[in-house]
Protein backbone atom coordinates (compact mmCIF):
# COMPACT_ATOMS: atom_id res chain seq x y z
CA UNK A 1 5.11 -4.77 -30.75
CA UNK A 2 4.69 -1.20 -33.46
CA UNK A 3 7.67 1.20 -33.89
CA UNK A 4 6.25 3.19 -31.24
CA UNK A 5 6.81 0.56 -28.50
CA UNK A 6 9.99 -0.45 -30.40
CA UNK A 7 11.23 2.66 -29.47
CA UNK A 8 10.00 2.34 -26.39
CA UNK A 9 7.20 5.09 -26.65
CA UNK A 10 3.70 3.85 -25.49
CA UNK A 11 0.72 4.21 -26.45
CA UNK A 12 -1.99 5.26 -24.07
CA UNK A 13 -5.01 4.17 -26.05
CA UNK A 14 -3.76 1.04 -27.08
CA UNK A 15 -5.16 -1.81 -24.37
CA UNK A 16 -1.14 -2.80 -24.17
CA UNK A 17 -0.07 0.22 -22.94
CA UNK A 18 0.86 -0.05 -18.75
CA UNK A 19 0.42 3.42 -18.84
CA UNK A 20 -2.94 3.02 -19.02
CA UNK A 21 -3.42 0.99 -15.83
CA UNK A 22 -1.22 2.74 -13.50
CA UNK A 23 -3.52 5.83 -14.75
CA UNK A 24 -6.54 2.97 -13.83
CA UNK A 25 -5.18 3.13 -10.15
CA UNK A 26 -4.83 6.43 -9.39
CA UNK A 27 -7.46 8.08 -11.33
CA UNK A 28 -10.02 6.50 -9.66
CA UNK A 29 -12.54 8.40 -7.15
CA UNK A 30 -11.51 6.80 -3.56
CA UNK A 31 -7.72 6.29 -5.30
CA UNK A 32 -7.55 10.08 -5.51
CA UNK A 33 -8.62 10.32 -2.34
CA UNK A 34 -7.28 8.64 -0.79
CA UNK A 35 -3.91 9.63 -1.35
CA UNK A 36 -4.83 13.49 -0.78
CA UNK A 37 -6.34 12.29 2.87
CA UNK A 38 -3.68 10.94 3.62
CA UNK A 39 -1.36 13.31 2.57
CA UNK A 40 -3.87 15.82 4.75
CA UNK A 41 -3.23 14.30 7.23
CA UNK A 42 -0.08 11.61 7.12
CA UNK A 43 -0.57 8.03 9.53
CA UNK A 44 -3.55 6.50 9.76
CA UNK A 45 -5.12 3.65 10.76
CA UNK A 46 -8.08 2.95 8.27
CA UNK A 47 -10.82 3.26 10.25
CA UNK A 48 -9.77 6.94 10.63
CA UNK A 49 -9.45 7.23 6.84
CA UNK A 50 -12.90 5.72 6.68
CA UNK A 51 -14.41 8.18 8.93
CA UNK A 52 -12.28 11.19 6.72
CA UNK A 53 -13.99 10.65 3.46
CA UNK A 54 -17.26 10.10 2.83
CA UNK A 55 -19.10 7.30 0.90
CA UNK A 56 -16.08 5.09 1.15
CA UNK A 57 -17.39 1.77 2.47
CA UNK A 58 -15.20 -0.62 4.08
CA UNK A 59 -14.96 -2.93 1.35
CA UNK A 60 -13.41 0.20 -0.59
CA UNK A 61 -11.04 1.62 1.30
CA UNK A 62 -10.44 -2.41 1.74
CA UNK A 63 -9.90 -2.89 -1.56
CA UNK A 64 -8.71 0.32 -2.44
CA UNK A 65 -4.94 0.98 0.69
CA UNK A 66 -4.71 -3.47 -1.06
CA UNK A 67 -4.05 -1.97 -4.38
CA UNK A 68 -2.53 1.42 -3.53
CA UNK A 69 -0.52 -1.01 -1.39
CA UNK A 70 0.71 -3.50 -3.66
CA UNK A 71 1.43 -0.28 -6.35
CA UNK A 72 4.25 1.09 -3.47
CA UNK A 73 1.95 4.63 -3.04
CA UNK A 74 1.17 2.68 0.11
CA UNK A 75 2.78 1.48 2.96
CA UNK A 76 0.87 -0.76 5.42
CA UNK A 77 3.08 -1.28 8.82
CA UNK A 78 1.54 -3.58 11.10
CA UNK A 79 1.70 -2.81 15.04
CA UNK A 80 2.48 -5.69 17.22
CA UNK A 81 -0.76 -4.19 19.90
CA UNK A 82 -3.39 -5.83 21.81
CA UNK A 83 -5.29 -5.64 19.45
CA UNK A 84 -3.41 -5.27 16.42
CA UNK A 85 -2.76 -1.93 14.76
CA UNK A 86 -2.27 -1.07 11.75
CA UNK A 87 -1.51 1.81 9.38
CA UNK A 88 -0.81 3.29 6.45
CA UNK A 89 1.35 6.57 5.03
CA UNK A 90 2.65 7.82 1.75
CA UNK A 91 5.38 6.41 0.44
CA UNK A 92 8.12 8.74 -1.36
CA UNK A 93 6.68 7.38 -4.21
CA UNK A 94 3.55 8.14 -3.24
CA UNK A 95 3.77 11.61 -2.09
CA UNK A 96 5.19 12.56 -5.43
CA UNK A 97 2.16 11.62 -6.50
CA UNK A 98 -0.01 14.13 -4.29
CA UNK A 99 1.45 16.95 -5.74
CA UNK A 100 -0.15 16.11 -8.93
CA UNK A 101 -3.53 14.74 -7.30
CA UNK A 102 -3.73 19.05 -5.27
CA UNK A 103 -2.73 19.90 -8.57
CA UNK A 104 -5.76 17.93 -10.10
CA UNK A 105 -7.62 19.13 -6.69
CA UNK A 106 -7.12 22.50 -7.12
CA UNK A 107 -8.46 22.06 -10.65
CA UNK A 108 -11.74 20.99 -10.41
CA UNK A 109 -11.70 24.25 -7.53
CA UNK A 110 -11.10 26.04 -10.16
CA UNK A 111 -13.54 24.89 -12.77
CA UNK A 112 -16.46 23.67 -11.32
CA UNK A 113 -19.02 26.89 -11.68
CA UNK A 114 -17.58 25.80 -15.30
CA UNK A 115 -18.37 22.04 -15.12
CA UNK A 116 -21.58 22.74 -13.12
CA UNK A 117 -22.58 24.91 -15.73
CA UNK A 118 -22.09 23.17 -18.49
CA UNK A 119 -23.95 19.96 -17.68
CA UNK A 120 -26.90 21.43 -17.16
CA UNK A 121 -26.54 23.77 -20.64
CA UNK A 122 -26.25 19.50 -21.53
CA UNK A 123 -29.02 18.90 -19.82
CA UNK A 124 -31.41 21.28 -21.21
CA UNK A 125 -30.64 20.22 -23.60
CA UNK A 126 -31.24 16.39 -23.15
């Protein structure tokens, strides 16, 4: 353990840093889109999420929901109906994260023209 870790400070560039796992989970495209969709629409079934999140496969949606549930960001509720109804909603932890996701989404909207221009410039030079 290095001295920063001993003092309770972690270096996210190091493999042992726990923030790497968290950032890896919440920073992936599908997690961000699931969090945003649940924040906007509230409690949803898996099929509803799939319809609202363009391009996500059922396999990827299922994996993403399981990971987010494991991390305490999404709550899965099973309702004893015929057939069984399963819904997903953001937990209080997930709701606190949705504010950060919204900030990133706003930043992306505000800067997408600049990013597109930079990509065009880079591609023209390559």
